[in-house]
Amino acid sequence: MKVSLERVFQLSANGTTVRRELMAGLTTFLAMAYITVVNPNILSEAGMDFGAVFVATCLAAALGTLVMGLYANYPVGQAPGMGQNAFFTYSIVLGLGVAWQTALGAVFISGVIFIGLSVLPIREWLINAIPHSLKLGISAGIGLFLGIIALSGSGIVVANPATLVSLGDLTSPDALLLLAGFFLIAALSARRVMGAVVVGMLLVTVIGWLTGSAEFRGVASAPPSMSTLLQLDIAGAFNVSMITVILTLLLVDVFDTAGTLVGVASRAGMLDERGRLPRLRRALLADSGATTAGALLGTSSTTSFIESAAGVEAGGRTGLTAVTTAILFLACLFVAPLAQSVPAFATGAALLFVACIMARALEHLAWDDITESAPAIVTALAVPLTYSIADGIGLGFITYAAIKLLSGRPGQCPSAVYAVALVFMLKFGFLA
């Protein structure tokens, strides 16, 4: 068995072990498990059945993550994306008055286009053309994004009409337990304790159960019925009014995935000597295929999850990490109460720790070259502050192209960067 795993995933070549990969897969799953509750909650507001979306979420996550692990050999988990599900519900269904079946049809079409781009060299050329400094900025930005998700999820950072954000109530149980979990994870990591992230998450979860700050909902239950299966309306999505919707879904999925793959792979040390992603086309096909399959199952766009960084930090380096995560998502169908018992402050502690680790990418910037460092910093700031990986990357591309052009170094900017910058300028309305 061990020999077979070695041959399939090349564990030794990637400096990892079966035990470490399994632990990393568990870590990634625990960091992502919240989506099994959050996604059904959001899509149910669009009129979809909560239980059916729960099953669709678990199956889409399991399928996409399994393909990512076995086909691309990446330690990256996939699931219906945050942001995409909000766009699906609040912009498409509630905002435009489109039926959820038609919205699923639009997701399916965007996924098919996505597969076409993944087969062609266009998207691979695009992602590999991202300058090294922007890759560092994207990695740090995703880290900061994870940090603000964690802090806001437990009320440590709250909205403020005067200052946009401000400090929340640090004495609340959720805030205290998140900070305690974060301190514990960081301390265990400093002591080089294997599985520090999982240990910290599980300990504060148990404390939450014992103190009443989190609810223990049981262990097992039968999966709900799946009334959303094959309910998408593809014909209804072939409408002129849906063109902008489909293009937006495609654009967000492309650049969210690009940012996540670059950030996670960079942290895992998977980039080659030229700063490029190995087996990129396989990873892109796994991601785009997951979006299409997710629409058939009955959920919004499925994408690579930034929470995969938690598993990478736990030592995950190969697809065995993803396969482990996929199996746990399948098991989640039958142990939904247990998975839903892991509170937000426990996953938030892990995400805050990962945020600190990923922000270290900025130390490798060429600080003496403002044309490289400034776009990276803008990207790192824009991703969390716009609450969108895609929009943050877009601002980074525009900044990079503009500074290179105005500083008299247009030749140092790849043609792909100019092209993407133009697309985002159109999206943001600069050229409208």
Protein backbone atom coordinates (compact mmCIF):
# COMPACT_ATOMS: atom_id res chain seq x y z
CA MET A 1 0.00 0.00 0.00
CA LYS A 2 2.73 2.42 0.99
CA VAL A 3 4.70 1.55 -2.16
CA SER A 4 1.63 2.26 -4.31
CA LEU A 5 1.07 5.64 -2.67
CA GLU A 6 4.75 6.47 -3.18
CA ARG A 7 4.50 5.64 -6.87
CA VAL A 8 1.26 7.57 -7.47
CA PHE A 9 2.05 10.70 -5.47
CA GLN A 10 5.88 10.72 -5.49
CA LEU A 11 6.02 11.36 -1.77
CA SER A 12 9.81 11.06 -1.34
CA ALA A 13 10.51 13.37 -4.26
CA ASN A 14 8.29 15.99 -2.60
CA GLY A 15 9.89 15.55 0.81
CA THR A 16 6.82 14.23 2.59
CA THR A 17 5.37 11.06 4.17
CA VAL A 18 2.03 9.26 4.22
CA ARG A 19 1.39 10.29 7.82
CA ARG A 20 2.15 13.94 7.11
CA GLU A 21 -0.11 13.96 4.04
CA LEU A 22 -2.98 12.39 5.95
CA MET A 23 -2.62 14.94 8.72
CA ALA A 24 -2.50 17.75 6.17
CA GLY A 25 -5.63 16.42 4.47
CA LEU A 26 -7.46 16.41 7.79
CA THR A 27 -6.27 19.96 8.46
CA THR A 28 -7.51 21.18 5.08
CA PHE A 29 -10.87 19.49 5.60
CA LEU A 30 -11.35 21.01 9.04
CA ALA A 31 -10.47 24.46 7.65
CA MET A 32 -12.95 24.00 4.78
CA ALA A 33 -15.74 22.16 6.61
CA TYR A 34 -17.61 25.39 7.35
CA ILE A 35 -18.62 25.56 3.67
CA THR A 36 -20.92 22.56 4.19
CA VAL A 37 -23.07 24.82 6.37
CA VAL A 38 -22.44 28.29 4.96
CA ASN A 39 -23.07 27.42 1.30
CA PRO A 40 -26.49 25.82 1.91
CA ASN A 41 -27.43 28.78 4.11
CA ILE A 42 -26.65 31.28 1.35
CA LEU A 43 -28.17 29.31 -1.53
CA SER A 44 -31.32 28.54 0.46
CA GLU A 45 -32.06 32.28 0.32
CA ALA A 46 -32.30 31.81 -3.45
CA GLY A 47 -35.12 29.32 -2.87
CA MET A 48 -33.03 26.14 -2.97
CA ASP A 49 -33.54 23.33 -0.46
CA PHE A 50 -30.94 23.46 2.35
CA GLY A 51 -30.53 19.69 2.65
CA ALA A 52 -30.18 19.19 -1.09
CA VAL A 53 -27.55 21.92 -1.34
CA PHE A 54 -25.70 20.39 1.62
CA VAL A 55 -25.40 17.10 -0.28
CA ALA A 56 -24.45 18.91 -3.50
CA THR A 57 -21.79 20.88 -1.63
CA CYS A 58 -20.20 17.76 -0.13
CA LEU A 59 -20.28 15.85 -3.43
CA ALA A 60 -18.93 18.75 -5.50
CA ALA A 61 -16.14 19.30 -2.98
CA ALA A 62 -15.29 15.59 -2.87
CA LEU A 63 -15.30 15.16 -6.64
CA GLY A 64 -13.30 18.28 -7.45
CA THR A 65 -10.76 17.66 -4.69
CA LEU A 66 -10.33 14.01 -5.67
CA VAL A 67 -9.57 14.92 -9.29
CA MET A 68 -7.20 17.65 -8.14
CA GLY A 69 -5.32 15.10 -6.04
CA LEU A 70 -5.25 12.12 -8.40
CA TYR A 71 -4.95 13.91 -11.74
CA ALA A 72 -2.94 17.03 -10.88
CA ASN A 73 -1.17 15.78 -7.71
CA TYR A 74 -1.83 19.09 -5.96
CA PRO A 75 -2.55 19.43 -2.20
CA VAL A 76 -5.51 21.70 -2.97
CA GLY A 77 -9.09 21.27 -1.82
CA GLN A 78 -12.07 22.44 -3.85
CA ALA A 79 -15.61 23.41 -2.88
CA PRO A 80 -18.32 25.92 -3.82
CA GLY A 81 -16.59 29.26 -3.44
CA MET A 82 -17.41 32.04 -1.03
CA GLY A 83 -18.18 35.15 -3.06
CA GLN A 84 -19.43 33.10 -6.00
CA ASN A 85 -22.32 31.78 -3.89
CA ALA A 86 -23.14 35.30 -2.73
CA PHE A 87 -23.09 36.56 -6.34
CA PHE A 88 -25.32 33.62 -7.32
CA THR A 89 -27.94 34.38 -4.67
CA TYR A 90 -27.92 38.11 -4.14
CA SER A 91 -26.95 39.40 -7.60
CA ILE A 92 -28.32 36.84 -10.05
CA VAL A 93 -31.38 35.33 -8.35
CA LEU A 94 -32.55 38.04 -5.96
CA GLY A 95 -31.04 41.03 -7.79
CA LEU A 96 -31.97 40.17 -11.40
CA GLY A 97 -34.96 38.00 -10.59
CA VAL A 98 -33.52 34.98 -12.38
CA ALA A 99 -34.75 31.53 -11.33
CA TRP A 100 -32.15 29.50 -9.45
CA GLN A 101 -32.41 26.78 -12.09
CA THR A 102 -31.40 29.30 -14.77
CA ALA A 103 -28.61 30.61 -12.57
CA LEU A 104 -27.28 27.05 -12.29
CA GLY A 105 -27.41 26.89 -16.08
CA ALA A 106 -25.23 30.01 -16.25
CA VAL A 107 -22.75 28.40 -13.84
CA PHE A 108 -22.66 25.30 -16.06
CA ILE A 109 -22.00 27.33 -19.21
CA SER A 110 -19.23 29.31 -17.50
CA GLY A 111 -17.70 26.00 -16.41
CA VAL A 112 -17.76 24.62 -19.96
CA ILE A 113 -16.04 27.78 -21.26
CA PHE A 114 -13.59 27.41 -18.39
CA ILE A 115 -12.77 23.85 -19.51
CA GLY A 116 -12.14 25.12 -23.03
CA LEU A 117 -9.73 27.75 -21.76
CA SER A 118 -7.99 25.12 -19.64
CA VAL A 119 -7.52 22.78 -22.61
CA LEU A 120 -6.14 25.59 -24.74
CA PRO A 121 -2.78 27.10 -23.81
CA ILE A 122 -4.41 30.52 -23.18
CA ARG A 123 -5.04 30.20 -19.46
CA GLU A 124 -1.78 28.38 -18.73
CA TRP A 125 0.09 31.09 -20.65
CA LEU A 126 -1.80 33.73 -18.70
CA ILE A 127 -1.08 32.36 -15.22
CA ASN A 128 2.56 31.58 -15.93
CA ALA A 129 3.00 35.11 -17.31
CA ILE A 130 2.17 36.64 -13.91
CA PRO A 131 5.37 38.41 -12.76
CA HIS A 132 7.12 36.93 -9.73
CA SER A 133 6.49 40.04 -7.65
CA LEU A 134 2.74 39.85 -8.31
CA LYS A 135 2.76 36.17 -7.34
CA LEU A 136 4.32 37.16 -4.03
CA GLY A 137 1.74 39.92 -3.60
CA ILE A 138 -1.08 37.50 -4.40
CA SER A 139 0.23 34.98 -1.88
CA ALA A 140 0.48 37.62 0.85
CA GLY A 141 -2.88 39.10 -0.11
CA ILE A 142 -4.60 35.74 0.19
CA GLY A 143 -2.98 35.35 3.59
CA LEU A 144 -4.29 38.72 4.73
CA PHE A 145 -7.69 37.81 3.27
CA LEU A 146 -7.73 34.67 5.42
CA GLY A 147 -6.79 36.82 8.39
CA ILE A 148 -9.65 39.26 7.99
CA ILE A 149 -12.10 36.39 7.41
CA ALA A 150 -10.94 34.84 10.68
CA LEU A 151 -11.01 38.07 12.69
CA SER A 152 -14.38 39.22 11.41
CA GLY A 153 -15.92 35.76 11.80
CA SER A 154 -15.39 35.88 15.56
CA GLY A 155 -16.23 39.53 16.03
CA ILE A 156 -12.68 40.73 16.69
CA VAL A 157 -12.94 43.05 13.69
CA VAL A 158 -16.36 44.63 13.08
CA ALA A 159 -17.88 47.08 10.63
CA ASN A 160 -17.86 50.76 11.48
CA PRO A 161 -19.66 53.43 9.41
CA ALA A 162 -17.03 56.05 10.23
CA THR A 163 -13.80 54.05 9.87
CA LEU A 164 -15.05 51.06 7.80
CA VAL A 165 -13.65 48.63 10.37
CA SER A 166 -12.86 48.78 14.07
CA LEU A 167 -12.07 46.57 17.05
CA GLY A 168 -14.91 44.42 18.32
CA ASP A 169 -15.50 42.87 21.73
CA LEU A 170 -12.35 40.99 22.69
CA THR A 171 -14.01 39.63 25.82
CA SER A 172 -16.66 37.67 23.93
CA PRO A 173 -16.30 33.86 24.13
CA ASP A 174 -15.76 33.50 20.37
CA ALA A 175 -13.01 36.13 20.32
CA LEU A 176 -11.25 34.70 23.37
CA LEU A 177 -11.35 31.13 22.05
CA LEU A 178 -10.12 32.17 18.60
CA LEU A 179 -7.17 34.01 20.14
CA ALA A 180 -6.48 31.11 22.52
CA GLY A 181 -6.49 28.70 19.59
CA PHE A 182 -4.22 30.94 17.55
CA PHE A 183 -1.75 31.37 20.44
CA LEU A 184 -1.72 27.61 20.98
CA ILE A 185 -1.20 26.77 17.29
CA ALA A 186 1.63 29.30 16.97
CA ALA A 187 3.32 28.05 20.17
CA LEU A 188 3.03 24.40 19.12
CA SER A 189 4.39 25.27 15.69
CA ALA A 190 7.34 27.06 17.28
CA ARG A 191 8.00 23.87 19.25
CA ARG A 192 7.81 21.94 15.94
CA VAL A 193 4.88 19.82 17.09
CA MET A 194 3.52 17.80 14.15
CA GLY A 195 -0.12 18.62 13.40
CA ALA A 196 -0.05 21.81 15.47
CA VAL A 197 -2.93 23.30 13.49
CA VAL A 198 -5.21 20.30 13.98
CA VAL A 199 -4.32 19.99 17.67
CA GLY A 200 -5.10 23.64 18.29
CA MET A 201 -8.38 23.51 16.40
CA LEU A 202 -9.58 20.37 18.15
CA LEU A 203 -8.65 21.60 21.64
CA VAL A 204 -10.54 24.88 21.36
CA THR A 205 -13.46 23.03 19.77
CA VAL A 206 -13.71 20.73 22.80
CA ILE A 207 -13.41 23.76 25.11
CA GLY A 208 -16.22 25.40 23.16
CA TRP A 209 -18.42 22.34 23.61
CA LEU A 210 -17.71 22.14 27.33
CA THR A 211 -18.35 25.84 27.95
CA GLY A 212 -21.41 26.08 25.78
CA SER A 213 -19.78 28.42 23.28
CA ALA A 214 -20.22 25.79 20.57
CA GLU A 215 -22.90 23.19 20.06
CA PHE A 216 -22.11 19.51 19.81
CA ARG A 217 -24.72 18.33 17.31
CA GLY A 218 -24.05 14.62 17.42
CA VAL A 219 -22.06 12.29 15.21
CA ALA A 220 -24.03 10.67 12.40
CA SER A 221 -27.18 11.03 10.33
CA ALA A 222 -28.49 9.87 6.95
CA PRO A 223 -27.80 12.23 4.00
CA PRO A 224 -30.76 14.45 3.02
CA SER A 225 -32.54 13.94 -0.30
CA MET A 226 -31.04 15.63 -3.36
CA SER A 227 -33.79 17.60 -5.10
CA THR A 228 -31.34 19.91 -6.93
CA LEU A 229 -29.70 17.16 -9.02
CA LEU A 230 -29.86 17.98 -12.77
CA GLN A 231 -32.33 20.80 -12.15
CA LEU A 232 -30.28 23.41 -14.04
CA ASP A 233 -31.91 25.29 -16.92
CA ILE A 234 -29.21 25.60 -19.57
CA ALA A 235 -31.58 26.77 -22.29
CA GLY A 236 -32.84 29.59 -20.11
CA ALA A 237 -29.25 30.77 -19.54
CA PHE A 238 -28.78 31.19 -23.31
CA ASN A 239 -30.21 34.67 -23.20
CA VAL A 240 -28.67 38.02 -24.11
CA SER A 241 -29.38 39.33 -20.62
CA MET A 242 -27.30 36.49 -19.16
CA ILE A 243 -24.11 37.21 -21.13
CA THR A 244 -22.74 39.60 -18.49
CA VAL A 245 -23.66 37.14 -15.74
CA ILE A 246 -21.83 34.26 -17.43
CA LEU A 247 -18.75 36.39 -18.16
CA THR A 248 -18.65 37.60 -14.54
CA LEU A 249 -18.91 34.04 -13.24
CA LEU A 250 -16.11 33.02 -15.60
CA LEU A 251 -13.85 35.95 -14.76
CA VAL A 252 -14.21 35.52 -11.00
CA ASP A 253 -13.64 31.76 -11.21
CA VAL A 254 -10.56 32.12 -13.43
CA PHE A 255 -8.77 34.64 -11.26
CA ASP A 256 -9.88 33.27 -7.90
CA THR A 257 -8.45 29.92 -8.98
CA ALA A 258 -5.30 31.48 -10.38
CA GLY A 259 -4.67 33.40 -7.19
CA THR A 260 -5.32 30.40 -4.97
CA LEU A 261 -3.11 28.03 -6.99
CA VAL A 262 -0.28 30.55 -7.11
CA GLY A 263 -0.54 31.38 -3.40
CA VAL A 264 -0.79 27.79 -2.16
CA ALA A 265 1.83 26.43 -4.56
CA SER A 266 4.22 29.24 -3.64
CA ARG A 267 3.87 28.48 0.06
CA ALA A 268 4.33 24.75 -0.61
CA GLY A 269 7.54 25.40 -2.54
CA MET A 270 6.06 23.86 -5.68
CA LEU A 271 7.08 26.58 -8.13
CA ASP A 272 9.91 25.66 -10.50
CA GLU A 273 13.15 27.60 -10.93
CA ARG A 274 11.36 30.03 -13.25
CA GLY A 275 8.56 30.62 -10.76
CA ARG A 276 6.04 28.59 -12.76
CA LEU A 277 3.45 26.10 -11.60
CA PRO A 278 4.08 22.44 -12.53
CA ARG A 279 1.24 20.36 -14.04
CA LEU A 280 -0.76 23.57 -14.31
CA ARG A 281 -3.04 22.42 -17.12
CA ARG A 282 -4.12 19.39 -15.09
CA ALA A 283 -4.90 21.59 -12.09
CA LEU A 284 -6.92 23.96 -14.27
CA LEU A 285 -8.92 21.10 -15.80
CA ALA A 286 -9.64 19.71 -12.34
CA ASP A 287 -10.90 23.11 -11.22
CA SER A 288 -12.99 23.91 -14.30
CA GLY A 289 -14.44 20.39 -14.37
CA ALA A 290 -15.50 20.78 -10.73
CA THR A 291 -17.50 23.91 -11.56
CA THR A 292 -19.37 22.09 -14.32
CA ALA A 293 -20.04 19.04 -12.13
CA GLY A 294 -21.14 21.26 -9.24
CA ALA A 295 -23.77 22.94 -11.42
CA LEU A 296 -25.14 19.51 -12.40
CA LEU A 297 -25.29 18.53 -8.72
CA GLY A 298 -26.98 21.79 -7.73
CA THR A 299 -24.53 24.34 -6.36
CA SER A 300 -22.80 27.55 -7.38
CA SER A 301 -19.29 27.67 -8.86
CA THR A 302 -16.80 25.24 -7.36
CA THR A 303 -13.26 26.52 -7.03
CA SER A 304 -9.89 25.91 -5.40
CA PHE A 305 -10.03 26.95 -1.74
CA ILE A 306 -7.57 29.31 -0.13
CA GLU A 307 -8.03 27.31 3.09
CA SER A 308 -5.86 24.65 1.43
CA ALA A 309 -2.98 26.75 2.74
CA ALA A 310 -3.77 25.35 6.20
CA GLY A 311 -3.02 21.84 4.96
CA VAL A 312 0.14 22.99 3.23
CA GLU A 313 1.33 24.55 6.46
CA ALA A 314 0.64 21.21 8.17
CA GLY A 315 3.05 19.59 5.71
CA GLY A 316 0.90 18.68 2.69
CA ARG A 317 2.87 18.62 -0.54
CA THR A 318 1.11 16.13 -2.84
CA GLY A 319 -2.27 15.01 -4.09
CA LEU A 320 -2.55 12.55 -1.21
CA THR A 321 -3.47 15.53 0.94
CA ALA A 322 -6.33 16.36 -1.46
CA VAL A 323 -7.47 12.74 -1.69
CA THR A 324 -7.67 12.58 2.10
CA THR A 325 -9.73 15.78 2.14
CA ALA A 326 -12.03 14.40 -0.57
CA ILE A 327 -12.69 11.20 1.38
CA LEU A 328 -13.54 13.25 4.46
CA PHE A 329 -16.03 15.33 2.44
CA LEU A 330 -17.71 12.08 1.36
CA ALA A 331 -17.76 10.90 4.96
CA CYS A 332 -19.23 14.28 5.88
CA LEU A 333 -22.42 13.21 4.13
CA PHE A 334 -22.97 10.71 6.94
CA VAL A 335 -21.41 12.63 9.84
CA ALA A 336 -22.85 16.02 9.05
CA PRO A 337 -23.68 16.83 12.69
CA LEU A 338 -20.06 16.23 13.76
CA ALA A 339 -18.59 18.32 10.93
CA GLN A 340 -21.01 21.11 11.72
CA SER A 341 -19.95 20.99 15.37
CA VAL A 342 -16.53 22.52 14.60
CA PRO A 343 -17.15 26.21 15.42
CA ALA A 344 -16.02 29.24 13.45
CA PHE A 345 -13.58 30.32 16.17
CA ALA A 346 -11.70 27.01 15.81
CA THR A 347 -11.28 27.26 12.04
CA GLY A 348 -10.63 30.98 12.45
CA ALA A 349 -7.66 30.28 14.73
CA ALA A 350 -6.11 28.11 12.02
CA LEU A 351 -6.79 30.66 9.29
CA LEU A 352 -5.25 33.48 11.32
CA PHE A 353 -2.11 31.40 11.82
CA VAL A 354 -1.91 30.63 8.11
CA ALA A 355 -2.39 34.33 7.36
CA CYS A 356 0.73 35.13 9.36
CA ILE A 357 2.71 32.48 7.50
CA MET A 358 1.56 33.51 4.02
CA ALA A 359 2.24 37.21 4.63
CA ARG A 360 5.93 36.30 4.86
CA ALA A 361 5.98 36.04 1.06
CA LEU A 362 6.60 39.78 0.93
CA GLU A 363 10.08 39.32 2.39
CA HIS A 364 11.21 38.00 -0.99
CA LEU A 365 10.19 41.16 -2.87
CA ALA A 366 12.77 43.24 -4.70
CA TRP A 367 12.22 46.19 -2.36
CA ASP A 368 14.81 48.32 -4.12
CA ASP A 369 12.73 48.26 -7.34
CA ILE A 370 9.55 50.25 -6.81
CA THR A 371 8.12 49.07 -10.15
CA GLU A 372 8.07 45.54 -8.71
CA SER A 373 7.36 46.14 -5.03
CA ALA A 374 4.55 48.73 -5.34
CA PRO A 375 2.22 46.55 -7.48
CA ALA A 376 2.79 43.63 -5.11
CA ILE A 377 1.84 45.72 -2.08
CA VAL A 378 -1.25 47.10 -3.83
CA THR A 379 -2.29 43.52 -4.61
CA ALA A 380 -1.67 42.35 -1.05
CA LEU A 381 -3.77 45.22 0.33
CA ALA A 382 -6.53 45.09 -2.28
CA VAL A 383 -7.36 41.38 -1.93
CA PRO A 384 -8.55 41.59 1.71
CA LEU A 385 -9.85 45.16 1.58
CA THR A 386 -12.04 44.54 -1.48
CA TYR A 387 -12.95 41.13 -0.02
CA SER A 388 -12.26 39.64 -3.46
CA ILE A 389 -9.23 37.75 -4.71
CA ALA A 390 -10.21 38.50 -8.30
CA ASP A 391 -10.62 42.27 -7.77
CA GLY A 392 -7.39 42.46 -5.80
CA ILE A 393 -5.50 40.70 -8.57
CA GLY A 394 -7.12 43.02 -11.10
CA LEU A 395 -5.89 46.13 -9.29
CA GLY A 396 -2.46 44.55 -9.05
CA PHE A 397 -2.30 43.90 -12.79
CA ILE A 398 -3.41 47.44 -13.62
CA THR A 399 -0.86 48.91 -11.20
CA TYR A 400 1.97 46.76 -12.58
CA ALA A 401 1.23 47.63 -16.20
CA ALA A 402 0.75 51.35 -15.52
CA ILE A 403 3.94 51.75 -13.46
CA LYS A 404 6.09 49.82 -15.95
CA LEU A 405 4.67 51.83 -18.83
CA LEU A 406 5.00 55.25 -17.16
CA SER A 407 8.49 54.52 -15.81
CA GLY A 408 9.79 53.84 -19.29
CA ARG A 409 10.10 50.07 -18.87
CA PRO A 410 7.25 48.74 -21.02
CA GLY A 411 9.38 45.84 -22.23
CA GLN A 412 9.67 44.46 -18.68
CA CYS A 413 5.90 43.91 -18.55
CA PRO A 414 4.69 40.70 -20.28
CA SER A 415 2.06 41.14 -22.98
CA ALA A 416 -0.32 38.94 -20.95
CA VAL A 417 -0.19 41.46 -18.08
CA TYR A 418 -1.17 44.31 -20.42
CA ALA A 419 -4.03 42.19 -21.79
CA VAL A 420 -5.35 41.27 -18.34
CA ALA A 421 -4.97 44.86 -17.12
CA LEU A 422 -7.10 46.00 -20.06
CA VAL A 423 -9.78 43.41 -19.27
CA PHE A 424 -9.96 44.54 -15.65
CA MET A 425 -10.08 48.20 -16.67
CA LEU A 426 -13.12 47.33 -18.75
CA LYS A 427 -14.62 45.38 -15.83
CA PHE A 428 -14.06 48.21 -13.37
CA GLY A 429 -15.57 50.70 -15.82
CA PHE A 430 -12.42 52.76 -16.45
CA LEU A 431 -12.99 52.53 -20.20
CA ALA A 432 -16.80 52.58 -20.14
